[in-house]
Amino acid sequence: MGMTNAKKETEGYAIRITRRGVVVWGALVFFILAWMFVLGVLVGRGT
């Protein structure tokens, strides 16, 4: 009995990786990295 309850609880935490999700996360990471690069260039110009 304890095993079936534990198994059902873990199924709710399964991470579903879809193509759309990968594209969205990739675009988000790229945007953040590009913004950090732009800020670094702007800050570094004065030195």
PDB file of N, CA and C in Angstrom:
ATOM      1  N   MET A   1       0.809  -1.196   0.000  1.00  0.00           N
ATOM      2  CA  MET A   1       0.000   0.000   0.000  1.00  0.00           C
ATOM      3  C   MET A   1       0.853   1.261   0.000  1.00  0.00           C
ATOM      4  N   GLY A   2       1.887   1.270   0.800  1.00  0.00           N
ATOM      5  CA  GLY A   2       2.753   2.435   0.862  1.00  0.00           C
ATOM      6  C   GLY A   2       3.481   2.690  -0.444  1.00  0.00           C
ATOM      7  N   MET A   3       3.799   1.628  -1.161  1.00  0.00           N
ATOM      8  CA  MET A   3       4.535   1.776  -2.417  1.00  0.00           C
ATOM      9  C   MET A   3       3.665   2.434  -3.489  1.00  0.00           C
ATOM     10  N   THR A   4       2.386   2.055  -3.567  1.00  0.00           N
ATOM     11  CA  THR A   4       1.538   2.630  -4.610  1.00  0.00           C
ATOM     12  C   THR A   4       1.305   4.114  -4.368  1.00  0.00           C
ATOM     13  N   ASN A   5       1.151   4.519  -3.118  1.00  0.00           N
ATOM     14  CA  ASN A   5       0.962   5.939  -2.822  1.00  0.00           C
ATOM     15  C   ASN A   5       2.203   6.744  -3.179  1.00  0.00           C
ATOM     16  N   ALA A   6       3.378   6.213  -2.876  1.00  0.00           N
ATOM     17  CA  ALA A   6       4.623   6.910  -3.192  1.00  0.00           C
ATOM     18  C   ALA A   6       4.791   7.035  -4.701  1.00  0.00           C
ATOM     19  N   LYS A   7       4.397   5.989  -5.429  1.00  0.00           N
ATOM     20  CA  LYS A   7       4.544   6.020  -6.881  1.00  0.00           C
ATOM     21  C   LYS A   7       3.613   7.072  -7.490  1.00  0.00           C
ATOM     22  N   LYS A   8       2.401   7.159  -6.989  1.00  0.00           N
ATOM     23  CA  LYS A   8       1.454   8.136  -7.527  1.00  0.00           C
ATOM     24  C   LYS A   8       1.916   9.564  -7.254  1.00  0.00           C
ATOM     25  N   GLU A   9       2.542   9.801  -6.118  1.00  0.00           N
ATOM     26  CA  GLU A   9       3.021  11.142  -5.794  1.00  0.00           C
ATOM     27  C   GLU A   9       4.153  11.566  -6.722  1.00  0.00           C
ATOM     28  N   THR A  10       5.043  10.634  -7.064  1.00  0.00           N
ATOM     29  CA  THR A  10       6.176  10.998  -7.915  1.00  0.00           C
ATOM     30  C   THR A  10       5.737  11.258  -9.352  1.00  0.00           C
ATOM     31  N   GLU A  11       4.635  10.660  -9.786  1.00  0.00           N
ATOM     32  CA  GLU A  11       4.176  10.885 -11.153  1.00  0.00           C
ATOM     33  C   GLU A  11       3.754  12.334 -11.367  1.00  0.00           C
ATOM     34  N   GLY A  12       3.295  12.999 -10.334  1.00  0.00           N
ATOM     35  CA  GLY A  12       2.875  14.386 -10.460  1.00  0.00           C
ATOM     36  C   GLY A  12       4.038  15.332 -10.689  1.00  0.00           C
ATOM     37  N   TYR A  13       5.250  14.923 -10.356  1.00  0.00           N
ATOM     38  CA  TYR A  13       6.424  15.785 -10.487  1.00  0.00           C
ATOM     39  C   TYR A  13       7.217  15.502 -11.755  1.00  0.00           C
ATOM     40  N   ALA A  14       6.671  14.702 -12.658  1.00  0.00           N
ATOM     41  CA  ALA A  14       7.385  14.381 -13.893  1.00  0.00           C
ATOM     42  C   ALA A  14       7.520  15.650 -14.738  1.00  0.00           C
ATOM     43  N   ILE A  15       8.693  15.883 -15.289  1.00  0.00           N
ATOM     44  CA  ILE A  15       8.943  17.060 -16.120  1.00  0.00           C
ATOM     45  C   ILE A  15       8.694  16.672 -17.573  1.00  0.00           C
ATOM     46  N   ARG A  16       7.785  17.364 -18.213  1.00  0.00           N
ATOM     47  CA  ARG A  16       7.486  17.083 -19.617  1.00  0.00           C
ATOM     48  C   ARG A  16       8.290  18.043 -20.485  1.00  0.00           C
ATOM     49  N   ILE A  17       9.134  17.483 -21.323  1.00  0.00           N
ATOM     50  CA  ILE A  17       9.971  18.297 -22.204  1.00  0.00           C
ATOM     51  C   ILE A  17       9.359  18.245 -23.603  1.00  0.00           C
ATOM     52  N   THR A  18       8.860  19.368 -24.063  1.00  0.00           N
ATOM     53  CA  THR A  18       8.283  19.451 -25.397  1.00  0.00           C
ATOM     54  C   THR A  18       9.181  20.314 -26.271  1.00  0.00           C
ATOM     55  N   ARG A  19       8.992  20.199 -27.563  1.00  0.00           N
ATOM     56  CA  ARG A  19       9.785  20.999 -28.501  1.00  0.00           C
ATOM     57  C   ARG A  19       9.536  22.485 -28.272  1.00  0.00           C
ATOM     58  N   ARG A  20       8.290  22.856 -28.025  1.00  0.00           N
ATOM     59  CA  ARG A  20       7.964  24.264 -27.783  1.00  0.00           C
ATOM     60  C   ARG A  20       8.627  24.757 -26.505  1.00  0.00           C
ATOM     61  N   GLY A  21       8.636  23.930 -25.484  1.00  0.00           N
ATOM     62  CA  GLY A  21       9.271  24.312 -24.227  1.00  0.00           C
ATOM     63  C   GLY A  21      10.758  24.540 -24.390  1.00  0.00           C
ATOM     64  N   VAL A  22      11.409  23.674 -25.167  1.00  0.00           N
ATOM     65  CA  VAL A  22      12.847  23.821 -25.401  1.00  0.00           C
ATOM     66  C   VAL A  22      13.125  25.110 -26.168  1.00  0.00           C
ATOM     67  N   VAL A  23      12.288  25.416 -27.153  1.00  0.00           N
ATOM     68  CA  VAL A  23      12.475  26.643 -27.937  1.00  0.00           C
ATOM     69  C   VAL A  23      12.270  27.877 -27.059  1.00  0.00           C
ATOM     70  N   VAL A  24      11.242  27.851 -26.221  1.00  0.00           N
ATOM     71  CA  VAL A  24      10.973  28.997 -25.348  1.00  0.00           C
ATOM     72  C   VAL A  24      12.117  29.195 -24.364  1.00  0.00           C
ATOM     73  N   TRP A  25      12.582  28.107 -23.731  1.00  0.00           N
ATOM     74  CA  TRP A  25      13.691  28.225 -22.777  1.00  0.00           C
ATOM     75  C   TRP A  25      14.962  28.683 -23.481  1.00  0.00           C
ATOM     76  N   GLY A  26      15.218  28.165 -24.684  1.00  0.00           N
ATOM     77  CA  GLY A  26      16.403  28.574 -25.434  1.00  0.00           C
ATOM     78  C   GLY A  26      16.366  30.054 -25.776  1.00  0.00           C
ATOM     79  N   ALA A  27      15.200  30.534 -26.208  1.00  0.00           N
ATOM     80  CA  ALA A  27      15.060  31.950 -26.542  1.00  0.00           C
ATOM     81  C   ALA A  27      15.223  32.820 -25.301  1.00  0.00           C
ATOM     82  N   LEU A  28      14.674  32.365 -24.186  1.00  0.00           N
ATOM     83  CA  LEU A  28      14.787  33.130 -22.944  1.00  0.00           C
ATOM     84  C   LEU A  28      16.235  33.220 -22.475  1.00  0.00           C
ATOM     85  N   VAL A  29      16.942  32.106 -22.516  1.00  0.00           N
ATOM     86  CA  VAL A  29      18.351  32.098 -22.104  1.00  0.00           C
ATOM     87  C   VAL A  29      19.175  32.969 -23.045  1.00  0.00           C
ATOM     88  N   PHE A  30      18.915  32.870 -24.356  1.00  0.00           N
ATOM     89  CA  PHE A  30      19.644  33.687 -25.322  1.00  0.00           C
ATOM     90  C   PHE A  30      19.405  35.174 -25.074  1.00  0.00           C
ATOM     91  N   PHE A  31      18.157  35.547 -24.806  1.00  0.00           N
ATOM     92  CA  PHE A  31      17.834  36.954 -24.551  1.00  0.00           C
ATOM     93  C   PHE A  31      18.546  37.455 -23.302  1.00  0.00           C
ATOM     94  N   ILE A  32      18.560  36.648 -22.258  1.00  0.00           N
ATOM     95  CA  ILE A  32      19.232  37.055 -21.016  1.00  0.00           C
ATOM     96  C   ILE A  32      20.729  37.211 -21.247  1.00  0.00           C
ATOM     97  N   LEU A  33      21.335  36.258 -21.947  1.00  0.00           N
ATOM     98  CA  LEU A  33      22.774  36.348 -22.210  1.00  0.00           C
ATOM     99  C   LEU A  33      23.096  37.544 -23.104  1.00  0.00           C
ATOM    100  N   ALA A  34      22.255  37.795 -24.111  1.00  0.00           N
ATOM    101  CA  ALA A  34      22.482  38.942 -24.993  1.00  0.00           C
ATOM    102  C   ALA A  34      22.350  40.251 -24.217  1.00  0.00           C
ATOM    103  N   TRP A  35      21.378  40.327 -23.312  1.00  0.00           N
ATOM    104  CA  TRP A  35      21.191  41.544 -22.517  1.00  0.00           C
ATOM    105  C   TRP A  35      22.376  41.773 -21.588  1.00  0.00           C
ATOM    106  N   MET A  36      22.896  40.696 -20.995  1.00  0.00           N
ATOM    107  CA  MET A  36      24.078  40.829 -20.140  1.00  0.00           C
ATOM    108  C   MET A  36      25.273  41.307 -20.957  1.00  0.00           C
ATOM    109  N   PHE A  37      25.405  40.829 -22.192  1.00  0.00           N
ATOM    110  CA  PHE A  37      26.494  41.256 -23.056  1.00  0.00           C
ATOM    111  C   PHE A  37      26.376  42.745 -23.382  1.00  0.00           C
ATOM    112  N   VAL A  38      25.159  43.178 -23.722  1.00  0.00           N
ATOM    113  CA  VAL A  38      24.933  44.590 -24.045  1.00  0.00           C
ATOM    114  C   VAL A  38      25.237  45.463 -22.837  1.00  0.00           C
ATOM    115  N   LEU A  39      24.768  45.056 -21.668  1.00  0.00           N
ATOM    116  CA  LEU A  39      25.055  45.838 -20.463  1.00  0.00           C
ATOM    117  C   LEU A  39      26.556  45.878 -20.187  1.00  0.00           C
ATOM    118  N   GLY A  40      27.247  44.779 -20.411  1.00  0.00           N
ATOM    119  CA  GLY A  40      28.691  44.750 -20.206  1.00  0.00           C
ATOM    120  C   GLY A  40      29.412  45.687 -21.150  1.00  0.00           C
ATOM    121  N   VAL A  41      28.961  45.744 -22.387  1.00  0.00           N
ATOM    122  CA  VAL A  41      29.574  46.659 -23.356  1.00  0.00           C
ATOM    123  C   VAL A  41      29.320  48.105 -22.946  1.00  0.00           C
ATOM    124  N   LEU A  42      28.097  48.403 -22.538  1.00  0.00           N
ATOM    125  CA  LEU A  42      27.771  49.775 -22.133  1.00  0.00           C
ATOM    126  C   LEU A  42      28.559  50.197 -20.900  1.00  0.00           C
ATOM    127  N   VAL A  43      28.700  49.311 -19.947  1.00  0.00           N
ATOM    128  CA  VAL A  43      29.455  49.633 -18.733  1.00  0.00           C
ATOM    129  C   VAL A  43      30.944  49.737 -19.048  1.00  0.00           C
ATOM    130  N   GLY A  44      31.437  48.879 -19.921  1.00  0.00           N
ATOM    131  CA  GLY A  44      32.860  48.858 -20.234  1.00  0.00           C
ATOM    132  C   GLY A  44      33.314  49.986 -21.140  1.00  0.00           C
ATOM    133  N   ARG A  45      32.392  50.686 -21.769  1.00  0.00           N
ATOM    134  CA  ARG A  45      32.773  51.775 -22.674  1.00  0.00           C
ATOM    135  C   ARG A  45      33.486  52.898 -21.944  1.00  0.00           C
ATOM    136  N   GLY A  46      33.083  53.178 -20.730  1.00  0.00           N
ATOM    137  CA  GLY A  46      33.631  54.314 -20.009  1.00  0.00           C
ATOM    138  C   GLY A  46      35.036  54.090 -19.476  1.00  0.00           C
ATOM    139  N   THR A  47      35.507  52.871 -19.477  1.00  0.00           N
ATOM    140  CA  THR A  47      36.832  52.615 -18.900  1.00  0.00           C
ATOM    141  C   THR A  47      37.899  52.558 -19.965  1.00  0.00           C
TER     142      THR A  47
END
